[in-house]
N, C-alpha and C. Protein backbone atom coordinates (compact mmCIF):
# COMPACT_ATOMS: atom_id res chain seq x y z
N MET A 1 0.92 -23.02 -34.59
CA MET A 1 1.94 -23.72 -33.85
C MET A 1 2.83 -22.69 -33.16
N ILE A 2 3.47 -23.15 -32.10
CA ILE A 2 4.33 -22.30 -31.29
C ILE A 2 5.69 -22.99 -31.11
N THR A 3 6.74 -22.22 -31.30
CA THR A 3 8.08 -22.68 -30.95
C THR A 3 8.45 -22.00 -29.64
N ALA A 4 8.89 -22.79 -28.70
CA ALA A 4 9.37 -22.27 -27.42
C ALA A 4 10.86 -22.57 -27.32
N ILE A 5 11.61 -21.56 -26.95
CA ILE A 5 13.05 -21.72 -26.72
C ILE A 5 13.29 -21.57 -25.23
N VAL A 6 13.89 -22.59 -24.66
CA VAL A 6 14.23 -22.59 -23.23
C VAL A 6 15.75 -22.58 -23.13
N GLN A 7 16.28 -21.68 -22.29
CA GLN A 7 17.71 -21.62 -22.06
C GLN A 7 17.98 -21.52 -20.57
N PHE A 8 19.08 -22.14 -20.15
CA PHE A 8 19.49 -22.04 -18.76
C PHE A 8 21.01 -22.22 -18.69
N GLN A 9 21.59 -21.59 -17.68
CA GLN A 9 23.04 -21.68 -17.47
C GLN A 9 23.36 -23.03 -16.84
N LEU A 10 24.31 -23.73 -17.43
CA LEU A 10 24.79 -24.99 -16.87
C LEU A 10 26.04 -24.73 -16.03
N PRO A 11 26.31 -25.59 -15.07
CA PRO A 11 27.56 -25.44 -14.31
C PRO A 11 28.77 -25.53 -15.25
N ALA A 12 29.85 -24.86 -14.90
CA ALA A 12 31.05 -24.79 -15.74
C ALA A 12 31.65 -26.16 -16.03
N ASP A 13 31.43 -27.14 -15.15
CA ASP A 13 32.03 -28.45 -15.36
C ASP A 13 31.19 -29.36 -16.25
N VAL A 14 30.07 -28.88 -16.76
CA VAL A 14 29.23 -29.68 -17.65
C VAL A 14 29.71 -29.49 -19.08
N ASP A 15 30.35 -30.54 -19.61
CA ASP A 15 30.80 -30.51 -21.00
C ASP A 15 29.73 -31.14 -21.88
N SER A 16 30.02 -31.27 -23.16
CA SER A 16 29.05 -31.79 -24.11
C SER A 16 28.58 -33.20 -23.74
N ALA A 17 29.50 -34.04 -23.35
CA ALA A 17 29.14 -35.43 -22.99
C ALA A 17 28.24 -35.46 -21.76
N LYS A 18 28.58 -34.66 -20.75
CA LYS A 18 27.76 -34.62 -19.53
C LYS A 18 26.39 -34.02 -19.84
N ALA A 19 26.35 -32.98 -20.68
CA ALA A 19 25.06 -32.38 -21.06
C ALA A 19 24.19 -33.43 -21.76
N ALA A 20 24.79 -34.18 -22.68
CA ALA A 20 24.03 -35.21 -23.40
C ALA A 20 23.49 -36.27 -22.44
N GLU A 21 24.29 -36.63 -21.45
CA GLU A 21 23.86 -37.60 -20.44
C GLU A 21 22.67 -37.07 -19.63
N LEU A 22 22.78 -35.81 -19.19
CA LEU A 22 21.69 -35.19 -18.44
C LEU A 22 20.42 -35.08 -19.29
N PHE A 23 20.59 -34.63 -20.52
CA PHE A 23 19.44 -34.46 -21.41
C PHE A 23 18.77 -35.80 -21.70
N ALA A 24 19.55 -36.82 -21.99
CA ALA A 24 18.98 -38.14 -22.28
C ALA A 24 18.20 -38.67 -21.07
N GLY A 25 18.68 -38.33 -19.88
CA GLY A 25 17.98 -38.76 -18.67
C GLY A 25 16.60 -38.13 -18.52
N SER A 26 16.42 -36.94 -19.07
CA SER A 26 15.11 -36.29 -18.97
C SER A 26 14.21 -36.56 -20.18
N ALA A 27 14.76 -37.11 -21.23
CA ALA A 27 14.00 -37.30 -22.48
C ALA A 27 12.70 -38.09 -22.30
N PRO A 28 12.67 -39.17 -21.53
CA PRO A 28 11.41 -39.92 -21.39
C PRO A 28 10.25 -39.07 -20.88
N LYS A 29 10.56 -38.04 -20.10
CA LYS A 29 9.52 -37.15 -19.55
C LYS A 29 8.74 -36.45 -20.67
N TYR A 30 9.35 -36.29 -21.83
CA TYR A 30 8.74 -35.54 -22.92
C TYR A 30 8.03 -36.42 -23.95
N ARG A 31 8.15 -37.72 -23.85
CA ARG A 31 7.46 -38.63 -24.76
C ARG A 31 5.96 -38.59 -24.50
N ALA A 32 5.19 -38.53 -25.57
CA ALA A 32 3.73 -38.55 -25.49
C ALA A 32 3.16 -37.40 -24.65
N LEU A 33 3.90 -36.31 -24.57
CA LEU A 33 3.43 -35.14 -23.83
C LEU A 33 2.34 -34.44 -24.64
N PRO A 34 1.18 -34.21 -24.07
CA PRO A 34 0.08 -33.59 -24.84
C PRO A 34 0.48 -32.26 -25.46
N GLY A 35 0.31 -32.17 -26.78
CA GLY A 35 0.57 -30.94 -27.50
C GLY A 35 1.99 -30.75 -27.99
N LEU A 36 2.94 -31.56 -27.51
CA LEU A 36 4.33 -31.42 -27.94
C LEU A 36 4.56 -32.22 -29.21
N LEU A 37 5.01 -31.54 -30.26
CA LEU A 37 5.30 -32.20 -31.52
C LEU A 37 6.75 -32.65 -31.61
N ARG A 38 7.67 -31.79 -31.20
CA ARG A 38 9.10 -32.09 -31.25
C ARG A 38 9.83 -31.34 -30.15
N LYS A 39 10.95 -31.92 -29.75
CA LYS A 39 11.86 -31.24 -28.83
C LYS A 39 13.28 -31.51 -29.28
N TYR A 40 14.06 -30.45 -29.34
CA TYR A 40 15.49 -30.54 -29.62
C TYR A 40 16.23 -30.01 -28.40
N TYR A 41 17.14 -30.80 -27.85
CA TYR A 41 17.98 -30.33 -26.77
C TYR A 41 19.11 -29.50 -27.39
N ILE A 42 19.49 -28.42 -26.72
CA ILE A 42 20.54 -27.55 -27.24
C ILE A 42 21.62 -27.35 -26.17
N TYR A 43 22.85 -27.13 -26.64
CA TYR A 43 23.99 -26.95 -25.74
C TYR A 43 25.03 -26.09 -26.44
N ASP A 44 25.56 -25.09 -25.74
CA ASP A 44 26.64 -24.26 -26.27
C ASP A 44 27.85 -24.43 -25.36
N GLU A 45 28.88 -25.04 -25.90
CA GLU A 45 30.08 -25.35 -25.12
C GLU A 45 30.80 -24.09 -24.63
N ASP A 46 30.80 -23.03 -25.42
CA ASP A 46 31.51 -21.80 -25.05
C ASP A 46 30.88 -21.08 -23.86
N THR A 47 29.56 -21.05 -23.82
CA THR A 47 28.86 -20.30 -22.77
C THR A 47 28.26 -21.19 -21.68
N HIS A 48 28.27 -22.49 -21.90
CA HIS A 48 27.63 -23.46 -21.00
C HIS A 48 26.14 -23.17 -20.84
N ILE A 49 25.54 -22.76 -21.94
CA ILE A 49 24.08 -22.59 -21.97
C ILE A 49 23.49 -23.89 -22.51
N GLY A 50 22.50 -24.39 -21.81
CA GLY A 50 21.76 -25.56 -22.26
C GLY A 50 20.30 -25.19 -22.41
N GLY A 51 19.53 -26.11 -22.95
CA GLY A 51 18.10 -25.85 -23.07
C GLY A 51 17.44 -26.72 -24.09
N GLY A 52 16.35 -26.17 -24.64
CA GLY A 52 15.59 -26.93 -25.62
C GLY A 52 14.83 -26.02 -26.56
N CYS A 53 14.59 -26.56 -27.72
CA CYS A 53 13.75 -25.91 -28.72
C CYS A 53 12.56 -26.85 -28.91
N TYR A 54 11.37 -26.35 -28.59
CA TYR A 54 10.16 -27.17 -28.59
C TYR A 54 9.19 -26.67 -29.65
N LEU A 55 8.56 -27.58 -30.34
CA LEU A 55 7.48 -27.23 -31.25
C LEU A 55 6.19 -27.76 -30.65
N TRP A 56 5.27 -26.84 -30.37
CA TRP A 56 3.99 -27.15 -29.73
C TRP A 56 2.83 -26.94 -30.69
N GLU A 57 1.76 -27.68 -30.48
CA GLU A 57 0.53 -27.47 -31.26
C GLU A 57 -0.07 -26.10 -31.00
N SER A 58 0.07 -25.63 -29.75
CA SER A 58 -0.53 -24.35 -29.38
C SER A 58 0.22 -23.74 -28.20
N ARG A 59 0.05 -22.46 -28.03
CA ARG A 59 0.66 -21.78 -26.88
C ARG A 59 0.03 -22.29 -25.58
N ALA A 60 -1.25 -22.58 -25.61
CA ALA A 60 -1.91 -23.09 -24.41
C ALA A 60 -1.28 -24.40 -23.95
N ALA A 61 -0.95 -25.29 -24.88
CA ALA A 61 -0.30 -26.55 -24.53
C ALA A 61 1.06 -26.29 -23.90
N ALA A 62 1.81 -25.36 -24.48
CA ALA A 62 3.13 -25.01 -23.96
C ALA A 62 3.01 -24.42 -22.55
N GLU A 63 2.13 -23.46 -22.40
CA GLU A 63 1.97 -22.80 -21.11
C GLU A 63 1.48 -23.76 -20.04
N ASN A 64 0.68 -24.74 -20.43
CA ASN A 64 0.23 -25.74 -19.49
C ASN A 64 1.40 -26.56 -18.95
N PHE A 65 2.38 -26.80 -19.80
CA PHE A 65 3.54 -27.58 -19.38
C PHE A 65 4.55 -26.78 -18.56
N TYR A 66 4.82 -25.55 -18.99
CA TYR A 66 5.84 -24.73 -18.32
C TYR A 66 5.28 -24.09 -17.05
N ASN A 67 5.02 -24.91 -16.08
CA ASN A 67 4.42 -24.45 -14.83
C ASN A 67 5.49 -24.35 -13.73
N ALA A 68 5.08 -24.06 -12.53
CA ALA A 68 6.01 -23.89 -11.42
C ALA A 68 6.78 -25.19 -11.14
N GLU A 69 6.12 -26.32 -11.26
CA GLU A 69 6.78 -27.61 -11.03
C GLU A 69 7.89 -27.84 -12.06
N TRP A 70 7.61 -27.53 -13.33
CA TRP A 70 8.61 -27.68 -14.37
C TRP A 70 9.79 -26.74 -14.12
N ARG A 71 9.51 -25.47 -13.78
CA ARG A 71 10.58 -24.51 -13.50
C ARG A 71 11.47 -24.98 -12.34
N LYS A 72 10.86 -25.55 -11.32
CA LYS A 72 11.63 -26.08 -10.19
C LYS A 72 12.48 -27.26 -10.63
N PHE A 73 11.91 -28.15 -11.45
CA PHE A 73 12.66 -29.30 -11.97
C PHE A 73 13.92 -28.83 -12.71
N ILE A 74 13.77 -27.86 -13.60
CA ILE A 74 14.90 -27.35 -14.38
C ILE A 74 15.93 -26.71 -13.45
N THR A 75 15.47 -25.87 -12.54
CA THR A 75 16.37 -25.18 -11.62
C THR A 75 17.13 -26.18 -10.75
N ASP A 76 16.43 -27.17 -10.21
CA ASP A 76 17.08 -28.17 -9.35
C ASP A 76 18.05 -29.04 -10.14
N ARG A 77 17.67 -29.44 -11.35
CA ARG A 77 18.48 -30.38 -12.14
C ARG A 77 19.74 -29.72 -12.71
N TYR A 78 19.60 -28.48 -13.17
CA TYR A 78 20.70 -27.83 -13.89
C TYR A 78 21.36 -26.67 -13.14
N GLY A 79 20.77 -26.25 -12.03
CA GLY A 79 21.42 -25.25 -11.21
C GLY A 79 21.09 -23.81 -11.53
N SER A 80 20.18 -23.57 -12.46
CA SER A 80 19.76 -22.19 -12.74
C SER A 80 18.34 -22.19 -13.28
N ALA A 81 17.68 -21.08 -13.09
CA ALA A 81 16.29 -20.95 -13.55
C ALA A 81 16.26 -20.82 -15.08
N PRO A 82 15.22 -21.36 -15.70
CA PRO A 82 15.13 -21.27 -17.16
C PRO A 82 14.63 -19.92 -17.64
N LYS A 83 15.09 -19.52 -18.81
CA LYS A 83 14.56 -18.37 -19.53
C LYS A 83 13.74 -18.93 -20.68
N LEU A 84 12.53 -18.43 -20.85
CA LEU A 84 11.59 -18.99 -21.81
C LEU A 84 11.12 -17.92 -22.79
N SER A 85 11.16 -18.24 -24.08
CA SER A 85 10.68 -17.35 -25.14
C SER A 85 9.74 -18.12 -26.05
N TYR A 86 8.66 -17.45 -26.47
CA TYR A 86 7.68 -18.05 -27.38
C TYR A 86 7.72 -17.36 -28.73
N PHE A 87 7.53 -18.14 -29.81
CA PHE A 87 7.48 -17.60 -31.16
C PHE A 87 6.36 -18.28 -31.94
N GLU A 88 5.58 -17.51 -32.66
CA GLU A 88 4.63 -18.07 -33.61
C GLU A 88 5.44 -18.82 -34.67
N THR A 89 4.91 -19.94 -35.14
CA THR A 89 5.60 -20.75 -36.14
C THR A 89 4.67 -20.96 -37.32
N PRO A 90 4.60 -20.00 -38.24
CA PRO A 90 3.63 -20.06 -39.33
C PRO A 90 4.01 -21.00 -40.47
N VAL A 91 5.32 -21.27 -40.65
CA VAL A 91 5.76 -22.12 -41.76
C VAL A 91 6.90 -23.01 -41.26
N ILE A 92 6.85 -24.27 -41.66
CA ILE A 92 7.91 -25.22 -41.32
C ILE A 92 8.40 -25.87 -42.61
N VAL A 93 9.71 -25.84 -42.81
CA VAL A 93 10.34 -26.55 -43.92
C VAL A 93 10.92 -27.83 -43.35
N ASP A 94 10.49 -28.96 -43.87
CA ASP A 94 10.97 -30.26 -43.40
C ASP A 94 11.70 -30.95 -44.56
N ASN A 95 13.01 -30.93 -44.51
CA ASN A 95 13.80 -31.53 -45.57
C ASN A 95 13.85 -33.05 -45.50
N VAL A 96 13.48 -33.64 -44.37
CA VAL A 96 13.43 -35.09 -44.26
C VAL A 96 12.25 -35.63 -45.06
N THR A 97 11.09 -34.99 -44.91
CA THR A 97 9.90 -35.45 -45.63
C THR A 97 9.71 -34.73 -46.97
N GLY A 98 10.47 -33.68 -47.18
CA GLY A 98 10.33 -32.91 -48.42
C GLY A 98 9.10 -32.02 -48.43
N GLU A 99 8.62 -31.68 -47.25
CA GLU A 99 7.40 -30.89 -47.16
C GLU A 99 7.67 -29.48 -46.62
N THR A 100 6.85 -28.57 -47.04
CA THR A 100 6.75 -27.25 -46.43
C THR A 100 5.32 -27.15 -45.90
N ARG A 101 5.22 -26.99 -44.59
CA ARG A 101 3.90 -26.91 -43.98
C ARG A 101 3.62 -25.48 -43.54
N ARG A 102 2.43 -25.06 -43.85
CA ARG A 102 1.98 -23.73 -43.46
C ARG A 102 0.88 -23.89 -42.42
N HIS A 103 1.02 -23.16 -41.34
CA HIS A 103 0.03 -23.23 -40.27
C HIS A 103 -0.68 -21.88 -40.19
N ALA A 104 -1.98 -21.93 -40.32
CA ALA A 104 -2.76 -20.67 -40.29
C ALA A 104 -3.18 -20.34 -38.88
């Protein structure tokens, strides 16, 4: 599994409520997306950084999604280009289900 962290600078006038409104507006785009297991929207009020933390089945699935069209969507919607980082995700602790999952 792969965790992808996406970050982008939000305009200074975007507060937490406005960020939540913008994020909720894009959420349907991520439902039933091939290879995407979870997405968490993130926002830092002090720096006005927004983004997402994504858990993907594979790096190939993530890279298939993060294409030029997606980068343009993010840039147009939020006013800055996204920064993208990938991380291997070998172990997941899930306190909701009480499971620890290991991915080989």
